[in-house]
């Protein structure tokens, strides 16, 4: 697998993390209560931070050869 294709899959996974984080934040704010609300919100914000770091690294790692 070429480095360009690997970067594409990594960035696609990061966008999936962002989408999952949006769903979890929605459920934690409007559908859940109690401890589940806190746990899902915590997981959602961790996923959002991780996906932001991954996208930052992919974008600023520069172009790949070929």
Protein backbone atom coordinates (compact mmCIF):
# COMPACT_ATOMS: atom_id res chain seq x y z
CA UNK A 1 0.00 0.00 0.00
CA UNK A 2 1.40 3.36 -1.00
CA UNK A 3 1.95 6.13 1.57
CA UNK A 4 -0.67 8.28 -0.13
CA UNK A 5 -3.30 5.57 0.16
CA UNK A 6 -2.36 4.96 3.79
CA UNK A 7 -2.81 8.68 4.57
CA UNK A 8 -6.19 8.58 2.86
CA UNK A 9 -7.42 5.69 5.02
CA UNK A 10 -6.09 7.34 8.19
CA UNK A 11 -7.87 10.60 7.40
CA UNK A 12 -11.06 8.70 6.54
CA UNK A 13 -10.92 6.94 9.91
CA UNK A 14 -10.43 10.31 11.58
CA UNK A 15 -13.54 11.67 9.86
CA UNK A 16 -15.41 8.58 11.06
CA UNK A 17 -14.27 9.38 14.62
CA UNK A 18 -15.64 12.91 14.19
CA UNK A 19 -19.01 11.62 12.98
CA UNK A 20 -19.19 9.14 15.87
CA UNK A 21 -18.32 11.93 18.30
CA UNK A 22 -21.16 14.07 16.94
CA UNK A 23 -23.63 11.22 17.44
CA UNK A 24 -22.39 10.54 20.96
CA UNK A 25 -22.60 14.22 21.92
CA UNK A 26 -26.16 14.35 20.59
CA UNK A 27 -27.18 11.30 22.60
CA UNK A 28 -25.46 12.51 25.74
CA UNK A 29 -27.19 15.89 25.63
CA UNK A 30 -30.70 14.97 24.55
CA UNK A 31 -31.35 11.26 25.08
CA UNK A 32 -29.35 10.03 28.07
CA UNK A 33 -29.12 10.93 31.72
CA UNK A 34 -27.05 10.23 34.78
CA UNK A 35 -23.74 8.42 34.52
CA UNK A 36 -24.33 7.40 30.90
CA UNK A 37 -24.53 11.06 29.95
CA UNK A 38 -21.11 11.77 31.45
CA UNK A 39 -19.47 8.64 30.00
CA UNK A 40 -20.74 9.16 26.45
CA UNK A 41 -19.80 12.85 26.53
CA UNK A 42 -16.30 11.98 27.76
CA UNK A 43 -15.82 9.36 25.04
CA UNK A 44 -17.15 11.79 22.43
CA UNK A 45 -14.79 14.59 23.40
CA UNK A 46 -11.82 12.20 23.52
CA UNK A 47 -12.70 10.98 20.00
CA UNK A 48 -13.00 14.58 18.78
CA UNK A 49 -9.60 15.53 20.20
CA UNK A 50 -7.92 12.41 18.78
CA UNK A 51 -9.45 12.95 15.34
CA UNK A 52 -8.35 16.60 15.35
CA UNK A 53 -4.78 15.61 16.18
CA UNK A 54 -4.78 12.94 13.45
CA UNK A 55 -6.09 15.35 10.81
CA UNK A 56 -3.55 17.96 11.91
CA UNK A 57 -0.71 15.46 11.51
CA UNK A 58 -1.96 14.21 8.14
CA UNK A 59 -2.35 17.71 6.71
CA UNK A 60 0.95 19.08 8.00
CA UNK A 61 3.02 15.99 7.19
CA UNK A 62 3.23 17.31 3.66
CA UNK A 63 2.74 15.71 0.30
CA UNK A 64 3.74 12.13 -0.32
CA UNK A 65 6.08 11.14 -3.13
CA UNK A 66 4.54 9.84 -6.36
